[in-house]
Amino acid sequence: MTFLRTVLALTVLTMLGCSKDSSTDQGTTTKTIDALTVKNNEIAGWSYSGQAWIANNLSELTTYIDGQAEVYRRHGFVEGAHQEYSGSVNSNQVLLKLTVYNQGTQTNALALYNDADLGFTGAIDWTAGAGQASHYVRNGGLSQVLSFYRNGYLAYLEIGTDTDESLSILKQFALNVDGKIKNG
């Protein structure tokens, strides 16, 4: 009987310890980096497409973004997740790319957000938008890029067209991710 109780107790403890979330000493739960991305069809009309990756260290990040990895390293890169989505803007199929970076601290995320090497010089601030601060760049009818930071995370979104509708979609994705970071 004691053996059965021990096996049952070990089974319960094992099940409690097996989850995608990890707990900290304060009892709070931190989601894994890929849990912060938008899920397949979570936003109506937008489904997984193209490349997805998770980088758990700088070496893995370098594999995925090569020349840009140094920018993230300078600002405390911890991990990142990338997902591409396909959807429609003004009846045209387009690709949206979302990458979420864990930079470890709010100070690091803010420094990365303000780093000129990310290409946001002259960006338009999105007041009352996602994160603690957010901005975007419209690239002359060709594409748009939006970035925001919250706590130790920076989100970077890019869409292959430049219309008011595509900007609205980028903002919808950004608010979705920001909600997951806030509630993480």
N, C-alpha and C. Protein backbone atom coordinates (compact mmCIF):
# COMPACT_ATOMS: atom_id res chain seq x y z
N MET A 1 0.82 -1.19 0.00
CA MET A 1 0.00 0.00 0.00
C MET A 1 0.87 1.27 0.00
N THR A 2 1.96 1.25 0.80
CA THR A 2 2.87 2.39 0.84
C THR A 2 3.50 2.60 -0.54
N PHE A 3 3.86 1.52 -1.21
CA PHE A 3 4.44 1.61 -2.55
C PHE A 3 3.46 2.27 -3.51
N LEU A 4 2.20 1.88 -3.46
CA LEU A 4 1.17 2.46 -4.34
C LEU A 4 1.00 3.95 -4.08
N ARG A 5 1.00 4.35 -2.81
CA ARG A 5 0.88 5.78 -2.47
C ARG A 5 2.09 6.56 -2.99
N THR A 6 3.27 5.99 -2.87
CA THR A 6 4.49 6.64 -3.34
C THR A 6 4.44 6.83 -4.85
N VAL A 7 4.04 5.80 -5.58
CA VAL A 7 3.94 5.89 -7.04
C VAL A 7 2.90 6.92 -7.43
N LEU A 8 1.75 6.91 -6.76
CA LEU A 8 0.70 7.88 -7.05
C LEU A 8 1.19 9.31 -6.76
N ALA A 9 1.86 9.51 -5.64
CA ALA A 9 2.38 10.84 -5.30
C ALA A 9 3.41 11.31 -6.32
N LEU A 10 4.30 10.43 -6.74
CA LEU A 10 5.30 10.79 -7.75
C LEU A 10 4.65 11.13 -9.08
N THR A 11 3.61 10.39 -9.43
CA THR A 11 2.89 10.65 -10.68
C THR A 11 2.25 12.03 -10.65
N VAL A 12 1.59 12.36 -9.55
CA VAL A 12 0.95 13.67 -9.41
C VAL A 12 2.00 14.78 -9.46
N LEU A 13 3.10 14.62 -8.73
CA LEU A 13 4.16 15.63 -8.75
C LEU A 13 4.76 15.80 -10.13
N THR A 14 4.93 14.73 -10.85
CA THR A 14 5.46 14.79 -12.21
C THR A 14 4.50 15.55 -13.11
N MET A 15 3.22 15.26 -13.00
CA MET A 15 2.22 15.93 -13.84
C MET A 15 2.17 17.42 -13.52
N LEU A 16 2.28 17.78 -12.25
CA LEU A 16 2.27 19.20 -11.89
C LEU A 16 3.50 19.92 -12.41
N GLY A 17 4.61 19.24 -12.49
CA GLY A 17 5.84 19.85 -12.97
C GLY A 17 5.95 19.93 -14.47
N CYS A 18 5.11 19.24 -15.21
CA CYS A 18 5.18 19.22 -16.67
C CYS A 18 4.18 20.18 -17.25
N SER A 19 4.65 21.33 -17.64
CA SER A 19 3.80 22.29 -18.33
C SER A 19 4.68 23.14 -19.22
N LYS A 20 4.05 23.85 -20.13
CA LYS A 20 4.79 24.71 -21.03
C LYS A 20 5.22 25.99 -20.33
N ASP A 21 4.55 26.32 -19.25
CA ASP A 21 4.90 27.50 -18.49
C ASP A 21 5.91 27.15 -17.41
N SER A 22 6.71 28.13 -17.01
CA SER A 22 7.66 27.90 -15.92
C SER A 22 7.36 28.90 -14.82
N SER A 23 7.54 28.51 -13.57
CA SER A 23 7.24 29.37 -12.44
C SER A 23 8.51 29.96 -11.88
N THR A 24 8.39 31.14 -11.32
CA THR A 24 9.52 31.79 -10.66
C THR A 24 9.35 31.63 -9.16
N ASP A 25 10.33 32.09 -8.39
CA ASP A 25 10.28 31.99 -6.94
C ASP A 25 9.13 32.78 -6.34
N GLN A 26 8.66 33.82 -7.02
CA GLN A 26 7.57 34.62 -6.49
C GLN A 26 6.21 34.00 -6.77
N GLY A 27 6.16 32.85 -7.43
CA GLY A 27 4.90 32.19 -7.70
C GLY A 27 4.22 32.67 -8.97
N THR A 28 4.86 33.55 -9.71
CA THR A 28 4.27 34.00 -10.96
C THR A 28 4.65 33.04 -12.07
N THR A 29 3.90 33.08 -13.14
CA THR A 29 4.14 32.19 -14.27
C THR A 29 4.64 33.00 -15.45
N THR A 30 5.68 32.50 -16.11
CA THR A 30 6.23 33.13 -17.28
C THR A 30 6.01 32.21 -18.47
N LYS A 31 5.41 32.71 -19.52
CA LYS A 31 5.17 31.90 -20.70
C LYS A 31 6.44 31.74 -21.51
N THR A 32 6.52 30.63 -22.23
CA THR A 32 7.63 30.46 -23.14
C THR A 32 7.49 31.48 -24.26
N ILE A 33 8.60 31.78 -24.90
CA ILE A 33 8.63 32.85 -25.89
C ILE A 33 7.65 32.62 -27.04
N ASP A 34 7.49 31.38 -27.50
CA ASP A 34 6.57 31.15 -28.62
C ASP A 34 5.11 31.30 -28.22
N ALA A 35 4.81 31.27 -26.94
CA ALA A 35 3.43 31.48 -26.49
C ALA A 35 3.01 32.94 -26.66
N LEU A 36 3.96 33.83 -26.93
CA LEU A 36 3.65 35.25 -27.11
C LEU A 36 3.31 35.60 -28.55
N THR A 37 3.53 34.68 -29.49
CA THR A 37 3.19 34.96 -30.88
C THR A 37 1.70 34.73 -31.10
N VAL A 38 1.19 35.24 -32.21
CA VAL A 38 -0.21 35.05 -32.59
C VAL A 38 -0.37 33.62 -33.11
N LYS A 39 -1.37 32.94 -32.63
CA LYS A 39 -1.60 31.55 -33.03
C LYS A 39 -2.28 31.48 -34.41
N ASN A 40 -2.23 30.31 -35.00
CA ASN A 40 -2.83 30.07 -36.32
C ASN A 40 -4.32 30.43 -36.30
N ASN A 41 -4.73 31.33 -37.16
CA ASN A 41 -6.12 31.79 -37.28
C ASN A 41 -6.66 32.46 -36.03
N GLU A 42 -5.81 32.88 -35.12
CA GLU A 42 -6.26 33.62 -33.93
C GLU A 42 -6.82 34.97 -34.34
N ILE A 43 -6.25 35.53 -35.39
CA ILE A 43 -6.80 36.74 -36.01
C ILE A 43 -7.42 36.30 -37.32
N ALA A 44 -8.70 36.54 -37.45
CA ALA A 44 -9.47 36.02 -38.59
C ALA A 44 -8.81 36.35 -39.92
N GLY A 45 -8.66 35.32 -40.75
CA GLY A 45 -8.11 35.48 -42.08
C GLY A 45 -6.59 35.39 -42.16
N TRP A 46 -5.92 35.15 -41.03
CA TRP A 46 -4.45 35.11 -41.00
C TRP A 46 -4.00 33.76 -40.46
N SER A 47 -3.29 33.02 -41.33
CA SER A 47 -2.85 31.67 -40.96
C SER A 47 -1.34 31.55 -41.12
N TYR A 48 -0.78 30.55 -40.40
CA TYR A 48 0.65 30.29 -40.49
C TYR A 48 1.07 30.11 -41.94
N SER A 49 2.21 30.66 -42.26
CA SER A 49 2.77 30.54 -43.60
C SER A 49 4.27 30.76 -43.49
N GLY A 50 5.01 30.12 -44.35
CA GLY A 50 6.45 30.38 -44.39
C GLY A 50 7.18 29.90 -43.17
N GLN A 51 8.24 30.59 -42.86
CA GLN A 51 9.19 30.17 -41.84
C GLN A 51 8.74 30.52 -40.42
N ALA A 52 9.03 29.60 -39.49
CA ALA A 52 8.88 29.86 -38.07
C ALA A 52 10.15 29.38 -37.39
N TRP A 53 10.56 30.05 -36.34
CA TRP A 53 11.73 29.61 -35.60
C TRP A 53 11.69 30.09 -34.16
N ILE A 54 12.46 29.41 -33.33
CA ILE A 54 12.70 29.82 -31.95
C ILE A 54 14.21 29.80 -31.76
N ALA A 55 14.74 30.89 -31.23
CA ALA A 55 16.18 30.97 -30.93
C ALA A 55 16.34 31.08 -29.42
N ASN A 56 17.00 30.12 -28.84
CA ASN A 56 17.21 30.09 -27.39
C ASN A 56 18.55 30.65 -26.96
N ASN A 57 19.35 31.08 -27.93
CA ASN A 57 20.65 31.68 -27.61
C ASN A 57 21.12 32.48 -28.83
N LEU A 58 22.20 33.21 -28.65
CA LEU A 58 22.70 34.09 -29.71
C LEU A 58 23.15 33.31 -30.94
N SER A 59 23.73 32.15 -30.75
CA SER A 59 24.17 31.32 -31.87
C SER A 59 22.99 30.93 -32.76
N GLU A 60 21.89 30.52 -32.14
CA GLU A 60 20.69 30.17 -32.90
C GLU A 60 20.11 31.40 -33.59
N LEU A 61 20.10 32.54 -32.90
CA LEU A 61 19.59 33.77 -33.51
C LEU A 61 20.41 34.13 -34.74
N THR A 62 21.72 33.99 -34.64
CA THR A 62 22.61 34.30 -35.77
C THR A 62 22.26 33.43 -36.98
N THR A 63 21.89 32.20 -36.74
CA THR A 63 21.48 31.30 -37.82
C THR A 63 20.28 31.86 -38.58
N TYR A 64 19.37 32.48 -37.85
CA TYR A 64 18.12 32.95 -38.47
C TYR A 64 18.20 34.36 -39.03
N ILE A 65 18.90 35.26 -38.34
CA ILE A 65 18.91 36.65 -38.82
C ILE A 65 20.31 37.16 -39.14
N ASP A 66 21.27 36.31 -39.11
CA ASP A 66 22.63 36.55 -39.52
C ASP A 66 23.14 37.93 -39.11
N GLY A 67 23.28 38.85 -40.03
CA GLY A 67 23.93 40.13 -39.78
C GLY A 67 23.28 40.99 -38.71
N GLN A 68 22.01 40.80 -38.42
CA GLN A 68 21.31 41.63 -37.44
C GLN A 68 21.48 41.14 -36.00
N ALA A 69 21.98 39.94 -35.79
CA ALA A 69 22.07 39.38 -34.44
C ALA A 69 22.88 40.26 -33.50
N GLU A 70 23.89 40.94 -34.00
CA GLU A 70 24.74 41.78 -33.17
C GLU A 70 23.93 42.88 -32.48
N VAL A 71 22.95 43.45 -33.16
CA VAL A 71 22.12 44.50 -32.57
C VAL A 71 21.42 43.97 -31.32
N TYR A 72 20.87 42.78 -31.42
CA TYR A 72 20.14 42.18 -30.30
C TYR A 72 21.10 41.77 -29.18
N ARG A 73 22.28 41.27 -29.53
CA ARG A 73 23.28 40.90 -28.54
C ARG A 73 23.68 42.10 -27.70
N ARG A 74 23.88 43.25 -28.36
CA ARG A 74 24.27 44.48 -27.66
C ARG A 74 23.30 44.85 -26.56
N HIS A 75 22.06 44.42 -26.72
CA HIS A 75 21.01 44.82 -25.78
C HIS A 75 20.47 43.64 -24.98
N GLY A 76 21.31 42.63 -24.73
CA GLY A 76 20.98 41.57 -23.78
C GLY A 76 20.10 40.45 -24.27
N PHE A 77 20.16 40.10 -25.54
CA PHE A 77 19.30 39.05 -26.10
C PHE A 77 19.29 37.80 -25.22
N VAL A 78 18.09 37.29 -24.94
CA VAL A 78 17.90 36.06 -24.18
C VAL A 78 17.34 34.97 -25.09
N GLU A 79 16.23 35.28 -25.78
CA GLU A 79 15.59 34.32 -26.68
C GLU A 79 14.64 35.07 -27.61
N GLY A 80 14.23 34.41 -28.67
CA GLY A 80 13.31 35.02 -29.61
C GLY A 80 12.47 33.97 -30.32
N ALA A 81 11.31 34.41 -30.84
CA ALA A 81 10.43 33.53 -31.62
C ALA A 81 9.93 34.30 -32.82
N HIS A 82 9.84 33.62 -33.96
CA HIS A 82 9.42 34.23 -35.22
C HIS A 82 8.35 33.36 -35.87
N GLN A 83 7.33 34.02 -36.42
CA GLN A 83 6.29 33.32 -37.15
C GLN A 83 5.86 34.19 -38.32
N GLU A 84 5.58 33.54 -39.44
CA GLU A 84 5.07 34.25 -40.62
C GLU A 84 3.63 33.84 -40.83
N TYR A 85 2.84 34.80 -41.34
CA TYR A 85 1.41 34.60 -41.55
C TYR A 85 1.03 35.05 -42.95
N SER A 86 0.04 34.41 -43.51
CA SER A 86 -0.49 34.79 -44.82
C SER A 86 -1.93 35.24 -44.64
N GLY A 87 -2.26 36.34 -45.30
CA GLY A 87 -3.61 36.86 -45.23
C GLY A 87 -3.87 37.81 -46.38
N SER A 88 -4.99 38.47 -46.34
CA SER A 88 -5.40 39.34 -47.44
C SER A 88 -5.49 40.79 -46.98
N VAL A 89 -4.94 41.68 -47.82
CA VAL A 89 -5.05 43.11 -47.61
C VAL A 89 -5.53 43.70 -48.93
N ASN A 90 -6.67 44.37 -48.90
CA ASN A 90 -7.24 44.96 -50.12
C ASN A 90 -7.33 43.92 -51.23
N SER A 91 -7.77 42.73 -50.88
CA SER A 91 -7.97 41.60 -51.81
C SER A 91 -6.68 41.04 -52.39
N ASN A 92 -5.54 41.40 -51.85
CA ASN A 92 -4.25 40.86 -52.29
C ASN A 92 -3.64 40.02 -51.17
N GLN A 93 -3.11 38.84 -51.52
CA GLN A 93 -2.42 37.99 -50.54
C GLN A 93 -1.09 38.62 -50.16
N VAL A 94 -0.83 38.73 -48.87
CA VAL A 94 0.43 39.30 -48.38
C VAL A 94 0.98 38.45 -47.23
N LEU A 95 2.25 38.66 -46.95
CA LEU A 95 2.94 37.97 -45.87
C LEU A 95 3.19 38.96 -44.74
N LEU A 96 2.88 38.55 -43.53
CA LEU A 96 3.16 39.33 -42.33
C LEU A 96 4.16 38.54 -41.50
N LYS A 97 5.21 39.22 -41.05
CA LYS A 97 6.25 38.57 -40.24
C LYS A 97 6.22 39.17 -38.84
N LEU A 98 6.22 38.30 -37.83
CA LEU A 98 6.21 38.71 -36.44
C LEU A 98 7.37 38.06 -35.71
N THR A 99 8.16 38.87 -35.02
CA THR A 99 9.24 38.34 -34.19
C THR A 99 9.14 38.98 -32.82
N VAL A 100 9.22 38.16 -31.78
CA VAL A 100 9.21 38.63 -30.39
C VAL A 100 10.57 38.28 -29.79
N TYR A 101 11.22 39.28 -29.21
CA TYR A 101 12.53 39.10 -28.60
C TYR A 101 12.44 39.32 -27.10
N ASN A 102 12.99 38.42 -26.33
CA ASN A 102 13.14 38.60 -24.90
C ASN A 102 14.54 39.18 -24.69
N GLN A 103 14.61 40.41 -24.21
CA GLN A 103 15.88 41.09 -24.00
C GLN A 103 16.28 41.10 -22.52
N GLY A 104 15.52 40.40 -21.70
CA GLY A 104 15.90 40.22 -20.31
C GLY A 104 15.41 41.28 -19.34
N THR A 105 15.54 42.56 -19.71
CA THR A 105 15.10 43.65 -18.83
C THR A 105 14.40 44.72 -19.65
N GLN A 106 13.61 45.53 -18.96
CA GLN A 106 12.95 46.64 -19.62
C GLN A 106 13.98 47.63 -20.17
N THR A 107 15.06 47.85 -19.43
CA THR A 107 16.12 48.76 -19.88
C THR A 107 16.71 48.28 -21.21
N ASN A 108 16.98 46.99 -21.31
CA ASN A 108 17.52 46.43 -22.56
C ASN A 108 16.52 46.55 -23.70
N ALA A 109 15.25 46.24 -23.43
CA ALA A 109 14.23 46.31 -24.47
C ALA A 109 14.06 47.75 -24.97
N LEU A 110 14.08 48.71 -24.06
CA LEU A 110 13.97 50.12 -24.44
C LEU A 110 15.18 50.55 -25.28
N ALA A 111 16.36 50.14 -24.88
CA ALA A 111 17.57 50.49 -25.64
C ALA A 111 17.51 49.90 -27.05
N LEU A 112 17.05 48.68 -27.17
CA LEU A 112 16.89 48.06 -28.49
C LEU A 112 15.84 48.80 -29.30
N TYR A 113 14.72 49.11 -28.68
CA TYR A 113 13.63 49.86 -29.34
C TYR A 113 14.15 51.17 -29.93
N ASN A 114 15.05 51.82 -29.24
CA ASN A 114 15.59 53.12 -29.68
C ASN A 114 16.84 52.99 -30.55
N ASP A 115 17.34 51.79 -30.79
CA ASP A 115 18.57 51.60 -31.56
C ASP A 115 18.33 51.94 -33.04
N ALA A 116 19.10 52.86 -33.56
CA ALA A 116 18.95 53.29 -34.96
C ALA A 116 19.17 52.15 -35.95
N ASP A 117 19.91 51.13 -35.55
CA ASP A 117 20.17 49.99 -36.45
C ASP A 117 18.93 49.17 -36.76
N LEU A 118 17.85 49.38 -36.02
CA LEU A 118 16.59 48.68 -36.35
C LEU A 118 15.84 49.36 -37.49
N GLY A 119 16.27 50.55 -37.87
CA GLY A 119 15.67 51.21 -39.03
C GLY A 119 14.44 52.04 -38.75
N PHE A 120 14.27 52.50 -37.52
CA PHE A 120 13.08 53.28 -37.19
C PHE A 120 13.36 54.78 -37.10
N THR A 121 14.45 55.22 -37.67
CA THR A 121 14.75 56.65 -37.70
C THR A 121 13.64 57.34 -38.49
N GLY A 122 13.05 58.36 -37.90
CA GLY A 122 11.95 59.06 -38.54
C GLY A 122 10.62 58.33 -38.44
N ALA A 123 10.53 57.36 -37.55
CA ALA A 123 9.30 56.59 -37.38
C ALA A 123 8.18 57.45 -36.82
N ILE A 124 6.96 57.00 -37.06
CA ILE A 124 5.75 57.66 -36.56
C ILE A 124 5.39 56.98 -35.24
N ASP A 125 5.28 57.77 -34.16
CA ASP A 125 4.87 57.21 -32.87
C ASP A 125 3.41 56.80 -32.92
N TRP A 126 3.11 55.64 -32.37
CA TRP A 126 1.73 55.17 -32.24
C TRP A 126 1.33 55.42 -30.79
N THR A 127 0.81 56.61 -30.53
CA THR A 127 0.45 56.97 -29.17
C THR A 127 -0.75 56.14 -28.73
N ALA A 128 -0.73 55.73 -27.49
CA ALA A 128 -1.78 54.88 -26.91
C ALA A 128 -1.89 53.55 -27.65
N GLY A 129 -0.78 53.13 -28.24
CA GLY A 129 -0.76 51.86 -28.97
C GLY A 129 -0.29 50.72 -28.09
N ALA A 130 0.31 49.74 -28.71
CA ALA A 130 0.79 48.56 -27.99
C ALA A 130 2.03 48.90 -27.18
N GLY A 131 2.23 48.18 -26.09
CA GLY A 131 3.44 48.29 -25.31
C GLY A 131 3.56 49.58 -24.52
N GLN A 132 4.75 49.77 -23.97
CA GLN A 132 5.05 50.99 -23.24
C GLN A 132 5.38 52.12 -24.21
N ALA A 133 5.78 51.76 -25.41
CA ALA A 133 5.98 52.70 -26.52
C ALA A 133 5.95 51.89 -27.80
N SER A 134 5.44 52.51 -28.86
CA SER A 134 5.39 51.83 -30.15
C SER A 134 5.52 52.86 -31.26
N HIS A 135 6.08 52.41 -32.38
CA HIS A 135 6.22 53.27 -33.55
C HIS A 135 6.24 52.41 -34.81
N TYR A 136 6.03 53.07 -35.96
CA TYR A 136 6.01 52.35 -37.22
C TYR A 136 6.59 53.20 -38.33
N VAL A 137 6.98 52.51 -39.40
CA VAL A 137 7.52 53.16 -40.59
C VAL A 137 6.73 52.67 -41.78
N ARG A 138 6.34 53.61 -42.65
CA ARG A 138 5.67 53.26 -43.90
C ARG A 138 6.70 53.45 -45.01
N ASN A 139 6.94 52.40 -45.76
CA ASN A 139 8.00 52.40 -46.77
C ASN A 139 7.45 52.62 -48.17
N GLY A 140 6.95 53.82 -48.40
CA GLY A 140 6.57 54.29 -49.73
C GLY A 140 5.69 53.36 -50.56
N GLY A 141 4.67 52.80 -49.96
CA GLY A 141 3.76 51.95 -50.70
C GLY A 141 4.20 50.50 -50.82
N LEU A 142 5.41 50.17 -50.34
CA LEU A 142 5.94 48.82 -50.50
C LEU A 142 5.74 47.94 -49.27
N SER A 143 5.95 48.50 -48.07
CA SER A 143 5.86 47.70 -46.85
C SER A 143 5.71 48.63 -45.65
N GLN A 144 5.42 48.00 -44.51
CA GLN A 144 5.34 48.71 -43.24
C GLN A 144 6.02 47.87 -42.18
N VAL A 145 6.62 48.55 -41.22
CA VAL A 145 7.26 47.88 -40.09
C VAL A 145 6.80 48.58 -38.82
N LEU A 146 6.44 47.79 -37.82
CA LEU A 146 5.98 48.32 -36.54
C LEU A 146 6.76 47.62 -35.43
N SER A 147 7.09 48.37 -34.39
CA SER A 147 7.81 47.80 -33.27
C SER A 147 7.26 48.39 -31.98
N PHE A 148 7.26 47.58 -30.91
CA PHE A 148 6.92 48.08 -29.60
C PHE A 148 7.70 47.29 -28.55
N TYR A 149 7.79 47.87 -27.35
CA TYR A 149 8.41 47.12 -26.26
C TYR A 149 7.51 47.17 -25.03
N ARG A 150 7.58 46.14 -24.25
CA ARG A 150 6.91 46.08 -22.95
C ARG A 150 7.77 45.20 -22.06
N ASN A 151 8.03 45.72 -20.87
CA ASN A 151 8.86 45.00 -19.90
C ASN A 151 10.18 44.64 -20.59
N GLY A 152 10.58 43.41 -20.62
CA GLY A 152 11.84 43.01 -21.24
C GLY A 152 11.69 42.52 -22.66
N TYR A 153 10.54 42.73 -23.29
CA TYR A 153 10.28 42.19 -24.64
C TYR A 153 10.20 43.30 -25.68
N LEU A 154 10.66 42.97 -26.88
CA LEU A 154 10.48 43.83 -28.05
C LEU A 154 9.81 43.00 -29.13
N ALA A 155 8.75 43.54 -29.71
CA ALA A 155 8.08 42.88 -30.82
C ALA A 155 8.35 43.68 -32.09
N TYR A 156 8.60 42.95 -33.17
CA TYR A 156 8.94 43.55 -34.47
C TYR A 156 8.02 42.90 -35.50
N LEU A 157 7.22 43.72 -36.18
CA LEU A 157 6.25 43.23 -37.15
C LEU A 157 6.49 43.90 -38.50
N GLU A 158 6.36 43.12 -39.55
CA GLU A 158 6.59 43.64 -40.91
C GLU A 158 5.54 43.04 -41.84
N ILE A 159 5.01 43.88 -42.72
CA ILE A 159 4.02 43.42 -43.70
C ILE A 159 4.42 43.92 -45.08
N GLY A 160 4.20 43.10 -46.08
CA GLY A 160 4.67 43.38 -47.43
C GLY A 160 3.76 44.25 -48.28
N THR A 161 3.14 45.24 -47.68
CA THR A 161 2.35 46.23 -48.41
C THR A 161 2.21 47.47 -47.52
N ASP A 162 1.80 48.58 -48.08
CA ASP A 162 1.68 49.82 -47.32
C ASP A 162 0.36 50.50 -47.65
N THR A 163 -0.68 50.13 -46.89
CA THR A 163 -1.99 50.76 -47.03
C THR A 163 -2.53 51.02 -45.63
N ASP A 164 -3.60 51.76 -45.54
CA ASP A 164 -4.23 51.98 -44.24
C ASP A 164 -4.73 50.66 -43.66
N GLU A 165 -5.24 49.77 -44.51
CA GLU A 165 -5.72 48.47 -44.04
C GLU A 165 -4.58 47.63 -43.48
N SER A 166 -3.43 47.63 -44.17
CA SER A 166 -2.31 46.83 -43.67
C SER A 166 -1.78 47.39 -42.34
N LEU A 167 -1.80 48.70 -42.17
CA LEU A 167 -1.38 49.29 -40.90
C LEU A 167 -2.34 48.87 -39.79
N SER A 168 -3.62 48.84 -40.09
CA SER A 168 -4.61 48.39 -39.12
C SER A 168 -4.37 46.94 -38.70
N ILE A 169 -3.99 46.10 -39.65
CA ILE A 169 -3.71 44.69 -39.36
C ILE A 169 -2.45 44.57 -38.50
N LEU A 170 -1.40 45.32 -38.84
CA LEU A 170 -0.19 45.31 -38.01
C LEU A 170 -0.52 45.70 -36.57
N LYS A 171 -1.34 46.72 -36.41
CA LYS A 171 -1.72 47.18 -35.08
C LYS A 171 -2.53 46.11 -34.35
N GLN A 172 -3.39 45.40 -35.05
CA GLN A 172 -4.17 44.33 -34.44
C GLN A 172 -3.25 43.21 -33.93
N PHE A 173 -2.28 42.82 -34.75
CA PHE A 173 -1.30 41.82 -34.33
C PHE A 173 -0.51 42.32 -33.11
N ALA A 174 -0.08 43.58 -33.15
CA ALA A 174 0.71 44.15 -32.05
C ALA A 174 -0.09 44.15 -30.75
N LEU A 175 -1.35 44.53 -30.80
CA LEU A 175 -2.18 44.55 -29.60
C LEU A 175 -2.40 43.14 -29.06
N ASN A 176 -2.51 42.15 -29.95
CA ASN A 176 -2.66 40.76 -29.55
C ASN A 176 -1.42 40.30 -28.76
N VAL A 177 -0.24 40.55 -29.32
CA VAL A 177 1.01 40.15 -28.66
C VAL A 177 1.18 40.91 -27.36
N ASP A 178 0.89 42.21 -27.36
CA ASP A 178 1.04 43.01 -26.16
C ASP A 178 0.16 42.47 -25.03
N GLY A 179 -1.05 42.06 -25.36
CA GLY A 179 -1.94 41.47 -24.36
C GLY A 179 -1.35 40.22 -23.74
N LYS A 180 -0.68 39.41 -24.56
CA LYS A 180 -0.05 38.18 -24.04
C LYS A 180 1.14 38.51 -23.15
N ILE A 181 1.89 39.54 -23.50
CA ILE A 181 3.03 39.94 -22.66
C ILE A 181 2.51 40.48 -21.33
N LYS A 182 1.49 41.35 -21.37
CA LYS A 182 0.93 41.91 -20.14
C LYS A 182 0.38 40.84 -19.22
N ASN A 183 -0.25 39.85 -19.80
CA ASN A 183 -0.88 38.80 -19.01
C ASN A 183 0.01 37.60 -18.77
N GLY A 184 1.26 37.68 -19.25
CA GLY A 184 2.20 36.58 -19.19
C GLY A 184 2.67 36.27 -17.83
